Each structure stands twice: as structure tokens, then as C-alpha cells.
């Protein structure tokens, strides 16, 4: 049923779908659908949860190996996951389903990122200059914007390695530098 949902959302959009459309496309009975899900929103929430679980599993080694600062490994793994699960990422990141799956995706990533920022600061005996919760929201928002842009292209506009390198430069040097300006004197 998950595959049917993703295919139909890409074809018609979430709001135009009915449970009957999904069950017909998946070749399952309505009773089977309702034995697992309350409605199409419940199915979409499950699809999003599965995506987040897979992403967390893939990110775990990349985050564990990253003791100090931004290495780019978690972002690289997220881009690889988006490449592997492109259609699911596209429907979530577009805000289908009244934006609820996208909000779930963002909240989950922001919570995990804030926890990692706090843990990394404690491990390295540093005091964050910006609240880790706010910093995580900014970071995740930027990553989501880049991820959506990258995943929406039929052919990614640039290799994942180039995206990560540019984000690493941005993280290390800042927006002022990235815009071509030298540090103010």
C-alpha cells in the first residue's frame, strides 16, 4: 500500500486521493486497508515514519564517527538515502498531506540534531553560542531546502559530493564568505 500511495501522490497529489484509489492501485481490499490504517493520512504517516527510521539507521554510523564539527558525512548519507528513496522524499518534502509529513520529518530531524549538538558540545567542553534547539532548526531547515532542490531534479543538478563540500565550506566560513566577501576589517 505504501508504494501505491507514493505513486498516486506523485501522479495526482495527496488531496485528490481516496482510500479506494489506494486499495485499487495496491490490489488490496478496503477491509485490509482499514485493518492497518484509520485513513490515508495514517498510511502517509507510516510511510514517513518508515523513511525516518531508515534514515536514522543510515545516519547512526556517520554521526557516531563525527566527534567535532561538521564533517559532511551525515549530509552525504542523507543525500544518498534521498537518491535511493527519491519518490518518497519528493512527496514528503513537497508538503503533500497538508504538510504534516514534512513537519514530522523536520521535527524529528531537528530534535535529533539538537541532541547531537548538545552532546558534541559536552564531549568537547564547549558552550554553544546559540541555543542548540534553534541552531538545529536553522541547520535542518537549510538541509531540507537543499535536499528538496536536489531530489526534485530528474538528474541531480550536481553530485552529492559537491553539495556536501559547499555546505562544509558554508558551515566553516559562513554566509558572508560564501557570498564572495572578505571578512570585514
N, C-alpha and C. Protein backbone atom coordinates (compact mmCIF):
# COMPACT_ATOMS: atom_id res chain seq x y z
N UNK A 1 0.82 -1.19 0.00
CA UNK A 1 0.00 0.00 0.00
C UNK A 1 0.87 1.26 0.00
N UNK A 2 2.04 1.17 0.61
CA UNK A 2 2.94 2.32 0.65
C UNK A 2 3.35 2.74 -0.75
N UNK A 3 3.71 1.76 -1.57
CA UNK A 3 4.12 2.05 -2.95
C UNK A 3 2.96 2.67 -3.71
N UNK A 4 1.77 2.14 -3.53
CA UNK A 4 0.59 2.69 -4.20
C UNK A 4 0.38 4.14 -3.79
N UNK A 5 0.49 4.42 -2.51
CA UNK A 5 0.32 5.80 -2.04
C UNK A 5 1.33 6.72 -2.71
N UNK A 6 2.60 6.35 -2.69
CA UNK A 6 3.65 7.20 -3.26
C UNK A 6 3.40 7.43 -4.74
N UNK A 7 3.12 6.37 -5.48
CA UNK A 7 2.90 6.51 -6.91
C UNK A 7 1.70 7.41 -7.21
N UNK A 8 0.62 7.23 -6.47
CA UNK A 8 -0.58 8.02 -6.72
C UNK A 8 -0.40 9.48 -6.31
N UNK A 9 0.31 9.72 -5.23
CA UNK A 9 0.55 11.11 -4.83
C UNK A 9 1.38 11.82 -5.90
N UNK A 10 2.38 11.16 -6.43
CA UNK A 10 3.18 11.77 -7.49
C UNK A 10 2.34 12.03 -8.74
N UNK A 11 1.40 11.15 -9.00
CA UNK A 11 0.56 11.26 -10.19
C UNK A 11 -0.55 12.30 -10.03
N UNK A 12 -1.23 12.29 -8.84
CA UNK A 12 -2.44 13.09 -8.69
C UNK A 12 -2.40 14.13 -7.57
N UNK A 13 -1.46 13.95 -6.65
CA UNK A 13 -1.47 14.80 -5.45
C UNK A 13 -2.26 14.11 -4.35
N UNK A 14 -1.87 14.36 -3.11
CA UNK A 14 -2.46 13.67 -1.97
C UNK A 14 -3.93 14.03 -1.77
N UNK A 15 -4.27 15.28 -1.89
CA UNK A 15 -5.64 15.71 -1.59
C UNK A 15 -6.66 15.09 -2.54
N UNK A 16 -6.26 14.74 -3.75
CA UNK A 16 -7.18 14.16 -4.72
C UNK A 16 -7.41 12.66 -4.51
N UNK A 17 -6.61 12.03 -3.65
CA UNK A 17 -6.71 10.58 -3.48
C UNK A 17 -7.80 10.18 -2.50
N UNK A 18 -8.34 9.00 -2.75
CA UNK A 18 -9.25 8.37 -1.80
C UNK A 18 -8.65 7.05 -1.36
N UNK A 19 -9.16 6.51 -0.28
CA UNK A 19 -8.72 5.19 0.17
C UNK A 19 -9.01 4.17 -0.93
N UNK A 20 -10.13 4.34 -1.61
CA UNK A 20 -10.48 3.41 -2.70
C UNK A 20 -9.42 3.46 -3.81
N UNK A 21 -8.94 4.63 -4.15
CA UNK A 21 -7.88 4.75 -5.17
C UNK A 21 -6.65 3.95 -4.74
N UNK A 22 -6.28 4.10 -3.48
CA UNK A 22 -5.08 3.43 -2.96
C UNK A 22 -5.27 1.92 -2.96
N UNK A 23 -6.42 1.45 -2.49
CA UNK A 23 -6.64 -0.01 -2.42
C UNK A 23 -6.72 -0.62 -3.81
N UNK A 24 -7.34 0.09 -4.75
CA UNK A 24 -7.39 -0.42 -6.13
C UNK A 24 -6.00 -0.52 -6.72
N UNK A 25 -5.21 0.53 -6.53
CA UNK A 25 -3.85 0.56 -7.08
C UNK A 25 -2.97 -0.51 -6.43
N UNK A 26 -3.17 -0.76 -5.15
CA UNK A 26 -2.38 -1.76 -4.43
C UNK A 26 -2.95 -3.16 -4.57
N UNK A 27 -4.13 -3.26 -5.16
CA UNK A 27 -4.82 -4.54 -5.32
C UNK A 27 -5.04 -5.24 -3.97
N UNK A 28 -5.57 -4.46 -3.03
CA UNK A 28 -5.97 -5.00 -1.72
C UNK A 28 -7.38 -4.52 -1.43
N UNK A 29 -8.04 -5.24 -0.55
CA UNK A 29 -9.40 -4.87 -0.18
C UNK A 29 -9.42 -3.72 0.83
N UNK A 30 -10.54 -3.02 0.85
CA UNK A 30 -10.70 -1.91 1.80
C UNK A 30 -10.60 -2.41 3.24
N UNK A 31 -11.11 -3.60 3.49
CA UNK A 31 -11.04 -4.15 4.85
C UNK A 31 -9.58 -4.35 5.28
N UNK A 32 -8.76 -4.79 4.33
CA UNK A 32 -7.33 -4.95 4.63
C UNK A 32 -6.71 -3.60 4.96
N UNK A 33 -7.04 -2.60 4.16
CA UNK A 33 -6.51 -1.26 4.42
C UNK A 33 -6.91 -0.81 5.82
N UNK A 34 -8.20 -0.91 6.12
CA UNK A 34 -8.69 -0.41 7.40
C UNK A 34 -8.25 -1.26 8.59
N UNK A 35 -7.79 -2.46 8.33
CA UNK A 35 -7.26 -3.25 9.44
C UNK A 35 -5.87 -2.75 9.85
N UNK A 36 -5.24 -1.96 8.99
CA UNK A 36 -3.91 -1.42 9.27
C UNK A 36 -3.89 0.09 9.51
N UNK A 37 -4.80 0.81 8.86
CA UNK A 37 -4.78 2.27 8.91
C UNK A 37 -6.18 2.82 9.10
N UNK A 38 -6.26 3.94 9.81
CA UNK A 38 -7.55 4.58 10.01
C UNK A 38 -8.00 5.32 8.76
N UNK A 39 -7.03 5.91 8.05
CA UNK A 39 -7.33 6.70 6.87
C UNK A 39 -6.05 6.85 6.04
N UNK A 40 -6.16 7.58 4.95
CA UNK A 40 -5.00 7.76 4.08
C UNK A 40 -3.91 8.57 4.79
N UNK A 41 -4.29 9.44 5.70
CA UNK A 41 -3.31 10.20 6.48
C UNK A 41 -2.48 9.27 7.36
N UNK A 42 -3.13 8.25 7.92
CA UNK A 42 -2.41 7.26 8.73
C UNK A 42 -1.40 6.48 7.90
N UNK A 43 -1.76 6.14 6.68
CA UNK A 43 -0.83 5.45 5.79
C UNK A 43 0.35 6.37 5.47
N UNK A 44 0.09 7.63 5.17
CA UNK A 44 1.16 8.58 4.84
C UNK A 44 2.07 8.78 6.06
N UNK A 45 1.49 8.83 7.25
CA UNK A 45 2.31 8.96 8.46
C UNK A 45 3.22 7.74 8.61
N UNK A 46 2.71 6.56 8.31
CA UNK A 46 3.52 5.34 8.39
C UNK A 46 4.65 5.37 7.36
N UNK A 47 4.35 5.82 6.16
CA UNK A 47 5.37 5.94 5.11
C UNK A 47 6.48 6.89 5.59
N UNK A 48 6.07 7.99 6.19
CA UNK A 48 7.05 8.97 6.68
C UNK A 48 7.86 8.40 7.84
N UNK A 49 7.20 7.71 8.76
CA UNK A 49 7.91 7.07 9.88
C UNK A 49 8.92 6.05 9.37
N UNK A 50 8.54 5.27 8.38
CA UNK A 50 9.47 4.29 7.81
C UNK A 50 10.68 4.99 7.18
N UNK A 51 10.42 6.08 6.48
CA UNK A 51 11.52 6.85 5.87
C UNK A 51 12.46 7.36 6.96
N UNK A 52 11.90 7.90 8.02
CA UNK A 52 12.71 8.43 9.13
C UNK A 52 13.50 7.33 9.83
N UNK A 53 12.88 6.17 10.02
CA UNK A 53 13.59 5.05 10.65
C UNK A 53 14.77 4.59 9.80
N UNK A 54 14.55 4.48 8.48
CA UNK A 54 15.63 4.09 7.58
C UNK A 54 16.74 5.13 7.59
N UNK A 55 16.36 6.40 7.57
CA UNK A 55 17.35 7.47 7.58
C UNK A 55 18.15 7.45 8.87
N UNK A 56 17.49 7.28 10.00
CA UNK A 56 18.18 7.23 11.29
C UNK A 56 19.19 6.09 11.32
N UNK A 57 18.80 4.96 10.79
CA UNK A 57 19.71 3.80 10.75
C UNK A 57 20.94 4.10 9.90
N UNK A 58 20.73 4.77 8.78
CA UNK A 58 21.84 5.10 7.90
C UNK A 58 22.72 6.21 8.48
N UNK A 59 22.11 7.13 9.23
CA UNK A 59 22.87 8.24 9.80
C UNK A 59 23.68 7.85 11.03
N UNK A 60 23.23 6.83 11.74
CA UNK A 60 23.87 6.46 13.01
C UNK A 60 25.39 6.34 12.89
N UNK A 61 25.93 5.56 11.96
CA UNK A 61 27.40 5.46 11.87
C UNK A 61 28.06 6.79 11.47
N UNK A 62 27.42 7.57 10.62
CA UNK A 62 28.01 8.84 10.18
C UNK A 62 28.07 9.84 11.33
N UNK A 63 27.07 9.84 12.19
CA UNK A 63 27.05 10.76 13.33
C UNK A 63 28.02 10.28 14.40
N UNK A 64 28.07 8.98 14.64
CA UNK A 64 28.96 8.41 15.65
C UNK A 64 30.42 8.71 15.32
N UNK A 65 30.74 8.69 14.03
CA UNK A 65 32.13 8.95 13.60
C UNK A 65 32.48 10.43 13.62
N UNK A 66 31.50 11.29 13.86
CA UNK A 66 31.71 12.74 13.78
C UNK A 66 31.77 13.33 15.18
N UNK A 67 32.96 13.40 15.76
CA UNK A 67 33.12 13.88 17.13
C UNK A 67 33.15 15.40 17.23
N UNK A 68 33.73 16.08 16.27
CA UNK A 68 33.89 17.52 16.35
C UNK A 68 33.43 18.14 15.04
N UNK A 69 32.61 19.16 15.15
CA UNK A 69 32.26 19.97 13.99
C UNK A 69 31.52 19.24 12.89
N UNK A 70 31.43 19.88 11.77
CA UNK A 70 30.70 19.39 10.60
C UNK A 70 31.66 18.69 9.66
N UNK A 71 31.49 17.38 9.52
CA UNK A 71 32.33 16.60 8.61
C UNK A 71 31.67 16.42 7.25
N UNK A 72 30.36 16.58 7.20
CA UNK A 72 29.61 16.36 5.97
C UNK A 72 29.12 14.94 5.80
N UNK A 73 29.62 14.00 6.60
CA UNK A 73 29.21 12.60 6.43
C UNK A 73 27.71 12.38 6.63
N UNK A 74 27.09 12.98 7.65
CA UNK A 74 25.63 12.78 7.76
C UNK A 74 24.85 13.35 6.58
N UNK A 75 25.27 14.51 6.09
CA UNK A 75 24.58 15.10 4.94
C UNK A 75 24.77 14.23 3.71
N UNK A 76 25.96 13.71 3.53
CA UNK A 76 26.21 12.81 2.39
C UNK A 76 25.30 11.59 2.48
N UNK A 77 25.18 11.04 3.66
CA UNK A 77 24.33 9.85 3.83
C UNK A 77 22.86 10.19 3.58
N UNK A 78 22.44 11.38 4.02
CA UNK A 78 21.06 11.79 3.77
C UNK A 78 20.81 11.96 2.27
N UNK A 79 21.77 12.54 1.54
CA UNK A 79 21.61 12.68 0.09
C UNK A 79 21.57 11.31 -0.59
N UNK A 80 22.40 10.41 -0.13
CA UNK A 80 22.37 9.05 -0.70
C UNK A 80 21.03 8.38 -0.43
N UNK A 81 20.51 8.56 0.78
CA UNK A 81 19.20 7.99 1.11
C UNK A 81 18.11 8.62 0.25
N UNK A 82 18.20 9.93 0.04
CA UNK A 82 17.22 10.62 -0.81
C UNK A 82 17.31 10.12 -2.24
N UNK A 83 18.51 9.82 -2.69
CA UNK A 83 18.68 9.26 -4.04
C UNK A 83 18.00 7.89 -4.12
N UNK A 84 18.18 7.07 -3.06
CA UNK A 84 17.61 5.72 -3.05
C UNK A 84 16.10 5.71 -2.87
N UNK A 85 15.58 6.70 -2.17
CA UNK A 85 14.14 6.78 -1.86
C UNK A 85 13.55 8.07 -2.42
N UNK A 86 13.98 8.43 -3.61
CA UNK A 86 13.67 9.73 -4.20
C UNK A 86 12.19 10.07 -4.21
N UNK A 87 11.35 9.14 -4.62
CA UNK A 87 9.93 9.45 -4.74
C UNK A 87 9.29 9.74 -3.38
N UNK A 88 9.67 9.00 -2.36
CA UNK A 88 9.12 9.25 -1.02
C UNK A 88 9.60 10.61 -0.52
N UNK A 89 10.87 10.91 -0.69
CA UNK A 89 11.37 12.22 -0.30
C UNK A 89 10.62 13.33 -1.03
N UNK A 90 10.38 13.15 -2.30
CA UNK A 90 9.71 14.19 -3.08
C UNK A 90 8.33 14.50 -2.51
N UNK A 91 7.54 13.47 -2.20
CA UNK A 91 6.18 13.76 -1.72
C UNK A 91 6.20 14.32 -0.30
N UNK A 92 7.14 13.89 0.52
CA UNK A 92 7.23 14.44 1.88
C UNK A 92 7.71 15.89 1.82
N UNK A 93 8.80 16.14 1.09
CA UNK A 93 9.41 17.47 1.07
C UNK A 93 8.56 18.50 0.33
N UNK A 94 7.67 18.06 -0.52
CA UNK A 94 6.76 18.99 -1.20
C UNK A 94 5.67 19.49 -0.27
N UNK A 95 5.48 18.80 0.84
CA UNK A 95 4.44 19.21 1.77
C UNK A 95 3.09 18.58 1.49
N UNK A 96 3.08 17.49 0.73
CA UNK A 96 1.82 16.78 0.49
C UNK A 96 1.23 16.35 1.83
N UNK A 97 -0.08 16.13 1.85
CA UNK A 97 -0.74 15.72 3.08
C UNK A 97 -0.86 16.87 4.07
N UNK A 98 -1.18 18.05 3.56
CA UNK A 98 -1.31 19.27 4.38
C UNK A 98 -0.05 19.58 5.16
N UNK A 99 1.09 19.14 4.68
CA UNK A 99 2.37 19.46 5.31
C UNK A 99 2.68 18.67 6.57
N UNK A 100 1.78 17.80 6.99
CA UNK A 100 2.01 17.06 8.24
C UNK A 100 3.21 16.11 8.15
N UNK A 101 3.37 15.34 7.07
CA UNK A 101 4.57 14.51 6.98
C UNK A 101 5.86 15.34 6.95
N UNK A 102 5.85 16.47 6.25
CA UNK A 102 7.02 17.33 6.22
C UNK A 102 7.33 17.85 7.62
N UNK A 103 6.30 18.25 8.35
CA UNK A 103 6.52 18.74 9.72
C UNK A 103 7.08 17.63 10.60
N UNK A 104 6.55 16.42 10.44
CA UNK A 104 7.06 15.27 11.20
C UNK A 104 8.54 15.03 10.87
N UNK A 105 8.87 15.10 9.59
CA UNK A 105 10.24 14.91 9.12
C UNK A 105 11.15 15.97 9.73
N UNK A 106 10.74 17.23 9.64
CA UNK A 106 11.56 18.32 10.16
C UNK A 106 11.71 18.24 11.68
N UNK A 107 10.61 17.99 12.39
CA UNK A 107 10.67 17.92 13.85
C UNK A 107 11.59 16.80 14.33
N UNK A 108 11.47 15.65 13.69
CA UNK A 108 12.30 14.50 14.08
C UNK A 108 13.78 14.81 13.85
N UNK A 109 14.10 15.34 12.68
CA UNK A 109 15.50 15.67 12.39
C UNK A 109 16.01 16.78 13.30
N UNK A 110 15.19 17.79 13.55
CA UNK A 110 15.63 18.90 14.41
C UNK A 110 15.87 18.42 15.85
N UNK A 111 15.01 17.56 16.35
CA UNK A 111 15.19 17.04 17.71
C UNK A 111 16.48 16.22 17.82
N UNK A 112 16.70 15.34 16.84
CA UNK A 112 17.91 14.51 16.86
C UNK A 112 19.16 15.37 16.68
N UNK A 113 19.08 16.38 15.83
CA UNK A 113 20.22 17.25 15.58
C UNK A 113 20.54 18.08 16.82
N UNK A 114 19.53 18.62 17.49
CA UNK A 114 19.76 19.40 18.70
C UNK A 114 20.42 18.54 19.77
N UNK A 115 19.97 17.31 19.90
CA UNK A 115 20.58 16.40 20.88
C UNK A 115 22.04 16.15 20.53
N UNK A 116 22.33 15.95 19.26
CA UNK A 116 23.72 15.73 18.84
C UNK A 116 24.57 16.97 19.08
N UNK A 117 24.03 18.15 18.78
CA UNK A 117 24.76 19.40 19.04
C UNK A 117 25.09 19.53 20.53
N UNK A 118 24.10 19.23 21.38
CA UNK A 118 24.33 19.31 22.84
C UNK A 118 25.39 18.30 23.28
N UNK A 119 25.26 17.07 22.80
CA UNK A 119 26.22 16.02 23.17
C UNK A 119 27.63 16.37 22.70
N UNK A 120 27.75 16.87 21.49
CA UNK A 120 29.06 17.21 20.93
C UNK A 120 29.69 18.36 21.72
N UNK A 121 28.88 19.34 22.10
CA UNK A 121 29.40 20.44 22.92
C UNK A 121 29.89 19.93 24.27
N UNK A 122 29.13 19.04 24.89
CA UNK A 122 29.53 18.48 26.19
C UNK A 122 30.81 17.65 26.06
N UNK A 123 30.89 16.82 25.02
CA UNK A 123 32.09 15.99 24.81
C UNK A 123 33.34 16.84 24.64
N UNK A 124 33.17 17.99 24.04
CA UNK A 124 34.32 18.85 23.74
C UNK A 124 34.47 20.02 24.71
N UNK A 125 33.66 20.01 25.77
CA UNK A 125 33.73 21.03 26.82
C UNK A 125 33.66 22.45 26.26
N UNK A 126 32.69 22.66 25.35
CA UNK A 126 32.46 23.99 24.82
C UNK A 126 31.03 24.41 25.13
N UNK A 127 30.81 25.70 25.15
CA UNK A 127 29.48 26.26 25.40
C UNK A 127 28.94 26.80 24.08
N UNK A 128 27.83 26.26 23.59
CA UNK A 128 27.27 26.78 22.33
C UNK A 128 26.95 28.27 22.44
N UNK A 129 27.20 29.00 21.38
CA UNK A 129 26.92 30.44 21.35
C UNK A 129 25.46 30.72 20.99
N UNK A 130 24.83 29.75 20.38
CA UNK A 130 23.42 29.83 20.01
C UNK A 130 22.73 28.61 20.60
N UNK A 131 21.52 28.78 21.10
CA UNK A 131 20.76 27.67 21.67
C UNK A 131 20.76 26.49 20.69
N UNK A 132 21.15 25.28 21.15
CA UNK A 132 21.20 24.13 20.25
C UNK A 132 19.87 23.81 19.56
N UNK A 133 18.75 24.08 20.24
CA UNK A 133 17.46 23.84 19.60
C UNK A 133 17.22 24.76 18.42
N UNK A 134 17.57 26.03 18.58
CA UNK A 134 17.44 27.00 17.49
C UNK A 134 18.44 26.69 16.38
N UNK A 135 19.67 26.43 16.76
CA UNK A 135 20.70 26.09 15.79
C UNK A 135 20.29 24.86 14.97
N UNK A 136 19.73 23.86 15.63
CA UNK A 136 19.28 22.65 14.93
C UNK A 136 18.17 22.97 13.94
N UNK A 137 17.23 23.83 14.32
CA UNK A 137 16.13 24.20 13.41
C UNK A 137 16.67 24.92 12.17
N UNK A 138 17.63 25.81 12.38
CA UNK A 138 18.24 26.52 11.25
C UNK A 138 18.96 25.52 10.35
N UNK A 139 19.77 24.68 10.97
CA UNK A 139 20.54 23.69 10.22
C UNK A 139 19.62 22.77 9.42
N UNK A 140 18.61 22.22 10.08
CA UNK A 140 17.70 21.28 9.42
C UNK A 140 16.91 22.00 8.32
N UNK A 141 16.48 23.22 8.56
CA UNK A 141 15.77 23.97 7.52
C UNK A 141 16.61 24.14 6.27
N UNK A 142 17.88 24.45 6.46
CA UNK A 142 18.78 24.59 5.31
C UNK A 142 18.94 23.26 4.60
N UNK A 143 19.11 22.19 5.37
CA UNK A 143 19.31 20.88 4.77
C UNK A 143 18.08 20.44 3.99
N UNK A 144 16.89 20.71 4.54
CA UNK A 144 15.64 20.34 3.87
C UNK A 144 15.51 21.11 2.55
N UNK A 145 15.84 22.39 2.58
CA UNK A 145 15.75 23.20 1.35
C UNK A 145 16.69 22.66 0.28
N UNK A 146 17.91 22.34 0.67
CA UNK A 146 18.88 21.80 -0.28
C UNK A 146 18.43 20.42 -0.74
N UNK A 147 17.98 19.60 0.17
CA UNK A 147 17.54 18.25 -0.15
C UNK A 147 16.37 18.27 -1.13
N UNK A 148 15.41 19.14 -0.89
CA UNK A 148 14.26 19.21 -1.81
C UNK A 148 14.71 19.64 -3.19
N UNK A 149 15.54 20.70 -3.26
CA UNK A 149 16.05 21.17 -4.53
C UNK A 149 16.77 20.04 -5.26
N UNK A 150 17.60 19.30 -4.55
CA UNK A 150 18.41 18.24 -5.15
C UNK A 150 17.53 17.07 -5.59
N UNK A 151 16.55 16.67 -4.76
CA UNK A 151 15.72 15.49 -5.05
C UNK A 151 14.69 15.75 -6.15
N UNK A 152 14.29 16.99 -6.33
CA UNK A 152 13.26 17.30 -7.33
C UNK A 152 13.76 17.25 -8.76
N UNK A 153 15.06 17.30 -8.95
CA UNK A 153 15.61 17.29 -10.31
C UNK A 153 15.57 15.87 -10.88
N UNK A 154 15.25 15.76 -12.16
CA UNK A 154 15.29 14.45 -12.80
C UNK A 154 16.70 13.87 -12.71
N UNK A 155 17.66 14.71 -12.99
CA UNK A 155 19.07 14.37 -12.81
C UNK A 155 19.59 15.38 -11.80
N UNK A 156 20.14 14.91 -10.68
CA UNK A 156 20.61 15.88 -9.68
C UNK A 156 21.48 16.95 -10.33
N UNK A 157 21.29 18.21 -9.91
CA UNK A 157 21.99 19.32 -10.55
C UNK A 157 23.50 19.31 -10.32
N UNK A 158 23.93 18.57 -9.33
CA UNK A 158 25.36 18.41 -9.07
C UNK A 158 25.55 17.16 -8.23
N UNK A 159 26.74 16.60 -8.28
CA UNK A 159 26.99 15.40 -7.47
C UNK A 159 26.83 15.70 -5.98
N UNK A 160 26.38 14.71 -5.24
CA UNK A 160 26.20 14.85 -3.79
C UNK A 160 27.49 15.31 -3.12
N UNK A 161 28.61 14.83 -3.60
CA UNK A 161 29.90 15.21 -3.02
C UNK A 161 30.14 16.71 -3.14
N UNK A 162 29.74 17.31 -4.26
CA UNK A 162 29.91 18.76 -4.45
C UNK A 162 28.99 19.54 -3.52
N UNK A 163 27.75 19.05 -3.36
CA UNK A 163 26.80 19.70 -2.44
C UNK A 163 27.38 19.69 -1.03
N UNK A 164 27.88 18.55 -0.60
CA UNK A 164 28.42 18.43 0.75
C UNK A 164 29.64 19.32 0.92
N UNK A 165 30.51 19.38 -0.07
CA UNK A 165 31.69 20.24 0.03
C UNK A 165 31.29 21.69 0.18
N UNK A 166 30.30 22.14 -0.59
CA UNK A 166 29.84 23.52 -0.50
C UNK A 166 29.20 23.80 0.86
N UNK A 167 28.42 22.86 1.36
CA UNK A 167 27.82 23.04 2.68
C UNK A 167 28.88 23.04 3.78
N UNK A 168 29.91 22.23 3.60
CA UNK A 168 31.03 22.24 4.55
C UNK A 168 31.72 23.60 4.55
N UNK A 169 31.98 24.14 3.37
CA UNK A 169 32.57 25.48 3.27
C UNK A 169 31.67 26.52 3.92
N UNK A 170 30.38 26.43 3.67
CA UNK A 170 29.44 27.37 4.27
C UNK A 170 29.46 27.26 5.79
N UNK A 171 29.46 26.02 6.29
CA UNK A 171 29.48 25.81 7.73
C UNK A 171 30.76 26.33 8.38
N UNK A 172 31.87 26.17 7.70
CA UNK A 172 33.15 26.60 8.27
C UNK A 172 33.41 28.10 8.13
N UNK A 173 32.97 28.69 7.03
CA UNK A 173 33.31 30.08 6.74
C UNK A 173 32.15 31.05 6.85
N UNK A 174 30.92 30.58 6.76
CA UNK A 174 29.75 31.45 6.90
C UNK A 174 29.21 31.99 5.60
N UNK A 175 28.04 32.60 5.71
CA UNK A 175 27.33 33.12 4.54
C UNK A 175 28.05 34.32 3.91
N UNK A 176 28.65 35.14 4.73
CA UNK A 176 29.35 36.32 4.23
C UNK A 176 30.47 35.89 3.28
N UNK A 177 31.26 34.94 3.74
CA UNK A 177 32.35 34.39 2.93
C UNK A 177 31.79 33.73 1.67
N UNK A 178 30.72 32.92 1.83
CA UNK A 178 30.14 32.19 0.71
C UNK A 178 29.59 33.13 -0.37
N UNK A 179 29.20 34.33 0.03
CA UNK A 179 28.69 35.31 -0.91
C UNK A 179 29.79 36.04 -1.67
N UNK A 180 31.05 35.73 -1.35
CA UNK A 180 32.17 36.30 -2.09
C UNK A 180 32.88 37.44 -1.38
N UNK A 181 32.42 37.79 -0.18
CA UNK A 181 33.03 38.90 0.54
C UNK A 181 34.13 38.43 1.46
N UNK A 182 35.09 39.29 1.69
CA UNK A 182 36.13 39.02 2.67
C UNK A 182 35.62 39.48 4.03
N UNK A 183 36.21 38.93 5.05
CA UNK A 183 35.83 39.31 6.41
C UNK A 183 36.03 40.81 6.60
N UNK A 184 35.07 41.48 7.27
CA UNK A 184 35.25 42.92 7.49
C UNK A 184 36.49 43.21 8.32
N UNK A 185 37.13 44.30 7.98
CA UNK A 185 38.38 44.68 8.67
C UNK A 185 38.09 45.34 10.00
